[in-house]
């Protein structure tokens, strides 16, 4: 009798504990789902306000949207690709706009005003690189010079006389 009562008490305790833990779990899951829903709505609002943070080369429209003002530098078409490589290396946000109507194509490169220091470094590095290219002779000229030096050297003569010995 006593054992049966203890068994009944144990069963009631387990049943009550299981039911309460189920209710707590159900409440927590509902709260988690609600929090997740709120987070998703908040993330959607943030994404719609800031569509995509861009860096490097971009359209002028996106550059101006950053609300920081822009400065520009004019560059010839032949120099544009090298300039873009250097600007990308320094992590500068820039936009390239072609001037219509100019016979040799001229491009304006717009930068964010906050990148003034980086722009100065980019321009300095680019001009140094350009000056080094101008000073350095081309490979074809170097080959021609080496050919001339070889032609001026006296040629070695070999005698192919074989001695007969017996």
C-alpha atoms as a PDB file:
ATOM      1  CA  UNK A   1       0.000   0.000   0.000  1.00  0.00           C
ATOM      2  CA  UNK A   2       2.731   2.336   0.907  1.00  0.00           C
ATOM      3  CA  UNK A   3       4.658   1.380  -2.220  1.00  0.00           C
ATOM      4  CA  UNK A   4       1.605   2.012  -4.367  1.00  0.00           C
ATOM      5  CA  UNK A   5       1.151   5.444  -2.837  1.00  0.00           C
ATOM      6  CA  UNK A   6       4.824   6.276  -3.409  1.00  0.00           C
ATOM      7  CA  UNK A   7       4.523   5.077  -6.997  1.00  0.00           C
ATOM      8  CA  UNK A   8       1.383   7.189  -7.524  1.00  0.00           C
ATOM      9  CA  UNK A   9       3.130  10.260  -6.054  1.00  0.00           C
ATOM     10  CA  UNK A  10       6.149   9.705  -8.296  1.00  0.00           C
ATOM     11  CA  UNK A  11       3.929   9.357 -11.391  1.00  0.00           C
ATOM     12  CA  UNK A  12       1.985  12.522 -10.469  1.00  0.00           C
ATOM     13  CA  UNK A  13       5.248  14.411  -9.912  1.00  0.00           C
ATOM     14  CA  UNK A  14       6.683  13.289 -13.256  1.00  0.00           C
ATOM     15  CA  UNK A  15       3.439  14.122 -15.051  1.00  0.00           C
ATOM     16  CA  UNK A  16       3.206  17.598 -13.462  1.00  0.00           C
ATOM     17  CA  UNK A  17       6.919  18.308 -14.148  1.00  0.00           C
ATOM     18  CA  UNK A  18       6.596  17.190 -17.786  1.00  0.00           C
ATOM     19  CA  UNK A  19       3.435  19.282 -18.320  1.00  0.00           C
ATOM     20  CA  UNK A  20       5.029  22.418 -16.796  1.00  0.00           C
ATOM     21  CA  UNK A  21       8.239  22.023 -18.791  1.00  0.00           C
ATOM     22  CA  UNK A  22       6.171  21.565 -21.968  1.00  0.00           C
ATOM     23  CA  UNK A  23       4.263  24.786 -21.246  1.00  0.00           C
ATOM     24  CA  UNK A  24       7.497  26.677 -20.549  1.00  0.00           C
ATOM     25  CA  UNK A  25       9.073  25.334 -23.717  1.00  0.00           C
ATOM     26  CA  UNK A  26       6.007  26.285 -25.731  1.00  0.00           C
ATOM     27  CA  UNK A  27       6.076  29.846 -24.322  1.00  0.00           C
ATOM     28  CA  UNK A  28       9.815  30.179 -25.036  1.00  0.00           C
ATOM     29  CA  UNK A  29       9.421  28.941 -28.596  1.00  0.00           C
ATOM     30  CA  UNK A  30       6.617  31.455 -29.185  1.00  0.00           C
ATOM     31  CA  UNK A  31       8.807  34.251 -27.799  1.00  0.00           C
ATOM     32  CA  UNK A  32      11.717  33.144 -29.992  1.00  0.00           C
ATOM     33  CA  UNK A  33       9.515  33.139 -33.085  1.00  0.00           C
ATOM     34  CA  UNK A  34       8.281  36.620 -32.228  1.00  0.00           C
ATOM     35  CA  UNK A  35      11.838  37.918 -31.728  1.00  0.00           C
ATOM     36  CA  UNK A  36      12.939  36.318 -35.006  1.00  0.00           C
ATOM     37  CA  UNK A  37      10.033  37.960 -36.829  1.00  0.00           C
ATOM     38  CA  UNK A  38      10.940  41.377 -35.370  1.00  0.00           C
ATOM     39  CA  UNK A  39      14.590  40.920 -36.329  1.00  0.00           C
ATOM     40  CA  UNK A  40      13.693  40.012 -39.905  1.00  0.00           C
ATOM     41  CA  UNK A  41      11.446  43.063 -40.238  1.00  0.00           C
ATOM     42  CA  UNK A  42      14.174  45.291 -38.818  1.00  0.00           C
ATOM     43  CA  UNK A  43      16.771  43.789 -41.158  1.00  0.00           C
ATOM     44  CA  UNK A  44      14.497  44.357 -44.164  1.00  0.00           C
ATOM     45  CA  UNK A  45      14.090  48.009 -43.182  1.00  0.00           C
ATOM     46  CA  UNK A  46      17.865  48.430 -42.855  1.00  0.00           C
ATOM     47  CA  UNK A  47      18.520  46.717 -46.170  1.00  0.00           C
ATOM     48  CA  UNK A  48      15.999  48.881 -47.970  1.00  0.00           C
ATOM     49  CA  UNK A  49      17.578  52.067 -46.542  1.00  0.00           C
ATOM     50  CA  UNK A  50      21.204  51.129 -47.367  1.00  0.00           C
ATOM     51  CA  UNK A  51      20.943  49.017 -50.511  1.00  0.00           C
ATOM     52  CA  UNK A  52      24.605  48.085 -50.940  1.00  0.00           C
ATOM     53  CA  UNK A  53      27.756  49.637 -49.594  1.00  0.00           C
ATOM     54  CA  UNK A  54      30.063  50.132 -52.552  1.00  0.00           C
ATOM     55  CA  UNK A  55      33.803  50.636 -52.631  1.00  0.00           C
ATOM     56  CA  UNK A  56      36.260  51.335 -55.424  1.00  0.00           C
ATOM     57  CA  UNK A  57      34.978  52.193 -58.886  1.00  0.00           C
ATOM     58  CA  UNK A  58      31.289  53.056 -59.065  1.00  0.00           C
ATOM     59  CA  UNK A  59      28.793  55.179 -60.936  1.00  0.00           C
ATOM     60  CA  UNK A  60      28.729  58.907 -60.228  1.00  0.00           C
ATOM     61  CA  UNK A  61      25.162  58.582 -58.955  1.00  0.00           C
ATOM     62  CA  UNK A  62      26.217  56.127 -56.237  1.00  0.00           C
ATOM     63  CA  UNK A  63      29.226  58.230 -55.331  1.00  0.00           C
ATOM     64  CA  UNK A  64      27.136  61.347 -54.802  1.00  0.00           C
ATOM     65  CA  UNK A  65      24.545  59.411 -52.754  1.00  0.00           C
ATOM     66  CA  UNK A  66      27.121  58.988 -50.008  1.00  0.00           C
ATOM     67  CA  UNK A  67      26.475  62.658 -49.061  1.00  0.00           C
ATOM     68  CA  UNK A  68      30.078  63.673 -48.527  1.00  0.00           C
ATOM     69  CA  UNK A  69      30.825  65.927 -51.506  1.00  0.00           C
ATOM     70  CA  UNK A  70      33.092  65.055 -54.414  1.00  0.00           C
ATOM     71  CA  UNK A  71      36.241  66.423 -56.030  1.00  0.00           C
ATOM     72  CA  UNK A  72      37.502  65.674 -59.532  1.00  0.00           C
ATOM     73  CA  UNK A  73      40.696  65.244 -61.560  1.00  0.00           C
ATOM     74  CA  UNK A  74      40.943  65.172 -65.384  1.00  0.00           C
ATOM     75  CA  UNK A  75      42.803  62.265 -66.979  1.00  0.00           C
ATOM     76  CA  UNK A  76      43.519  61.192 -70.579  1.00  0.00           C
ATOM     77  CA  UNK A  77      42.225  57.845 -71.812  1.00  0.00           C
ATOM     78  CA  UNK A  78      45.685  56.322 -72.139  1.00  0.00           C
ATOM     79  CA  UNK A  79      46.329  56.910 -68.443  1.00  0.00           C
ATOM     80  CA  UNK A  80      42.922  55.807 -67.178  1.00  0.00           C
ATOM     81  CA  UNK A  81      43.583  52.088 -66.680  1.00  0.00           C
ATOM     82  CA  UNK A  82      46.831  52.623 -64.774  1.00  0.00           C
ATOM     83  CA  UNK A  83      45.176  55.261 -62.619  1.00  0.00           C
ATOM     84  CA  UNK A  84      42.296  52.900 -61.772  1.00  0.00           C
ATOM     85  CA  UNK A  85      44.737  50.203 -60.651  1.00  0.00           C
ATOM     86  CA  UNK A  86      46.514  52.616 -58.322  1.00  0.00           C
ATOM     87  CA  UNK A  87      43.229  53.996 -56.939  1.00  0.00           C
ATOM     88  CA  UNK A  88      41.960  50.479 -56.282  1.00  0.00           C
ATOM     89  CA  UNK A  89      45.186  49.670 -54.434  1.00  0.00           C
ATOM     90  CA  UNK A  90      44.619  52.604 -52.079  1.00  0.00           C
ATOM     91  CA  UNK A  91      40.941  51.724 -51.495  1.00  0.00           C
ATOM     92  CA  UNK A  92      39.576  55.032 -52.798  1.00  0.00           C
ATOM     93  CA  UNK A  93      35.931  55.381 -53.854  1.00  0.00           C
ATOM     94  CA  UNK A  94      35.846  56.953 -57.307  1.00  0.00           C
ATOM     95  CA  UNK A  95      33.686  57.400 -60.398  1.00  0.00           C
ATOM     96  CA  UNK A  96      34.830  57.926 -63.991  1.00  0.00           C
ATOM     97  CA  UNK A  97      32.894  60.244 -66.335  1.00  0.00           C
ATOM     98  CA  UNK A  98      33.775  60.786 -70.005  1.00  0.00           C
ATOM     99  CA  UNK A  99      33.612  64.331 -71.398  1.00  0.00           C
ATOM    100  CA  UNK A 100      31.483  64.307 -74.516  1.00  0.00           C
ATOM    101  CA  UNK A 101      32.640  66.371 -77.440  1.00  0.00           C
ATOM    102  CA  UNK A 102      36.361  66.413 -76.740  1.00  0.00           C
ATOM    103  CA  UNK A 103      38.324  64.879 -79.617  1.00  0.00           C
ATOM    104  CA  UNK A 104      41.053  63.160 -77.676  1.00  0.00           C
ATOM    105  CA  UNK A 105      38.874  61.511 -75.022  1.00  0.00           C
ATOM    106  CA  UNK A 106      39.229  63.178 -71.639  1.00  0.00           C
ATOM    107  CA  UNK A 107      37.849  61.614 -68.479  1.00  0.00           C
ATOM    108  CA  UNK A 108      37.036  63.164 -65.118  1.00  0.00           C
ATOM    109  CA  UNK A 109      37.661  61.018 -62.082  1.00  0.00           C
ATOM    110  CA  UNK A 110      35.493  62.010 -59.113  1.00  0.00           C
ATOM    111  CA  UNK A 111      36.522  61.188 -55.540  1.00  0.00           C
ATOM    112  CA  UNK A 112      34.832  61.516 -52.182  1.00  0.00           C
ATOM    113  CA  UNK A 113      35.975  64.580 -50.289  1.00  0.00           C
ATOM    114  CA  UNK A 114      36.850  62.485 -47.221  1.00  0.00           C
ATOM    115  CA  UNK A 115      39.460  60.631 -49.305  1.00  0.00           C
ATOM    116  CA  UNK A 116      41.618  63.757 -49.874  1.00  0.00           C
ATOM    117  CA  UNK A 117      44.717  62.282 -48.214  1.00  0.00           C
ATOM    118  CA  UNK A 118      44.385  59.015 -50.079  1.00  0.00           C
ATOM    119  CA  UNK A 119      43.812  60.923 -53.335  1.00  0.00           C
ATOM    120  CA  UNK A 120      47.024  62.873 -52.795  1.00  0.00           C
ATOM    121  CA  UNK A 121      48.897  59.594 -52.244  1.00  0.00           C
ATOM    122  CA  UNK A 122      47.307  58.034 -55.323  1.00  0.00           C
ATOM    123  CA  UNK A 123      48.252  60.995 -57.515  1.00  0.00           C
ATOM    124  CA  UNK A 124      51.805  61.108 -56.122  1.00  0.00           C
ATOM    125  CA  UNK A 125      52.319  57.356 -56.624  1.00  0.00           C
ATOM    126  CA  UNK A 126      50.794  57.478 -60.097  1.00  0.00           C
ATOM    127  CA  UNK A 127      52.985  60.380 -61.256  1.00  0.00           C
ATOM    128  CA  UNK A 128      56.113  58.678 -59.889  1.00  0.00           C
ATOM    129  CA  UNK A 129      55.180  55.506 -61.746  1.00  0.00           C
ATOM    130  CA  UNK A 130      54.510  57.459 -64.935  1.00  0.00           C
ATOM    131  CA  UNK A 131      57.848  59.311 -64.700  1.00  0.00           C
ATOM    132  CA  UNK A 132      59.686  56.035 -64.150  1.00  0.00           C
ATOM    133  CA  UNK A 133      58.068  54.632 -67.307  1.00  0.00           C
ATOM    134  CA  UNK A 134      59.168  57.667 -69.311  1.00  0.00           C
ATOM    135  CA  UNK A 135      62.759  57.474 -68.040  1.00  0.00           C
ATOM    136  CA  UNK A 136      63.031  53.743 -68.572  1.00  0.00           C
ATOM    137  CA  UNK A 137      63.910  52.847 -72.186  1.00  0.00           C
ATOM    138  CA  UNK A 138      61.602  50.505 -73.983  1.00  0.00           C
ATOM    139  CA  UNK A 139      62.543  46.893 -74.416  1.00  0.00           C
ATOM    140  CA  UNK A 140      62.898  47.228 -78.204  1.00  0.00           C
ATOM    141  CA  UNK A 141      65.368  50.096 -77.798  1.00  0.00           C
ATOM    142  CA  UNK A 142      67.343  48.084 -75.265  1.00  0.00           C
ATOM    143  CA  UNK A 143      67.531  45.114 -77.652  1.00  0.00           C
ATOM    144  CA  UNK A 144      68.725  47.375 -80.501  1.00  0.00           C
ATOM    145  CA  UNK A 145      71.492  48.786 -78.288  1.00  0.00           C
ATOM    146  CA  UNK A 146      72.654  45.306 -77.310  1.00  0.00           C
ATOM    147  CA  UNK A 147      72.684  44.213 -80.964  1.00  0.00           C
ATOM    148  CA  UNK A 148      74.846  47.230 -81.879  1.00  0.00           C
ATOM    149  CA  UNK A 149      77.303  46.420 -79.087  1.00  0.00           C
ATOM    150  CA  UNK A 150      77.564  42.847 -80.315  1.00  0.00           C
ATOM    151  CA  UNK A 151      78.118  44.004 -83.887  1.00  0.00           C
ATOM    152  CA  UNK A 152      80.939  46.329 -82.798  1.00  0.00           C
ATOM    153  CA  UNK A 153      82.842  43.608 -80.986  1.00  0.00           C
ATOM    154  CA  UNK A 154      85.557  41.850 -82.920  1.00  0.00           C
ATOM    155  CA  UNK A 155      84.555  38.405 -84.019  1.00  0.00           C
ATOM    156  CA  UNK A 156      86.552  35.436 -82.872  1.00  0.00           C
ATOM    157  CA  UNK A 157      88.199  33.430 -85.616  1.00  0.00           C
ATOM    158  CA  UNK A 158      88.742  29.783 -85.246  1.00  0.00           C
ATOM    159  CA  UNK A 159      91.227  27.869 -87.230  1.00  0.00           C
ATOM    160  CA  UNK A 160      90.127  24.473 -88.302  1.00  0.00           C
ATOM    161  CA  UNK A 161      93.421  23.052 -89.288  1.00  0.00           C
ATOM    162  CA  UNK A 162      93.983  19.456 -88.466  1.00  0.00           C
ATOM    163  CA  UNK A 163      97.470  18.139 -88.160  1.00  0.00           C
ATOM    164  CA  UNK A 164      98.271  14.825 -89.673  1.00  0.00           C
ATOM    165  CA  UNK A 165     100.612  12.797 -87.612  1.00  0.00           C
ATOM    166  CA  UNK A 166     101.978   9.291 -88.200  1.00  0.00           C
END
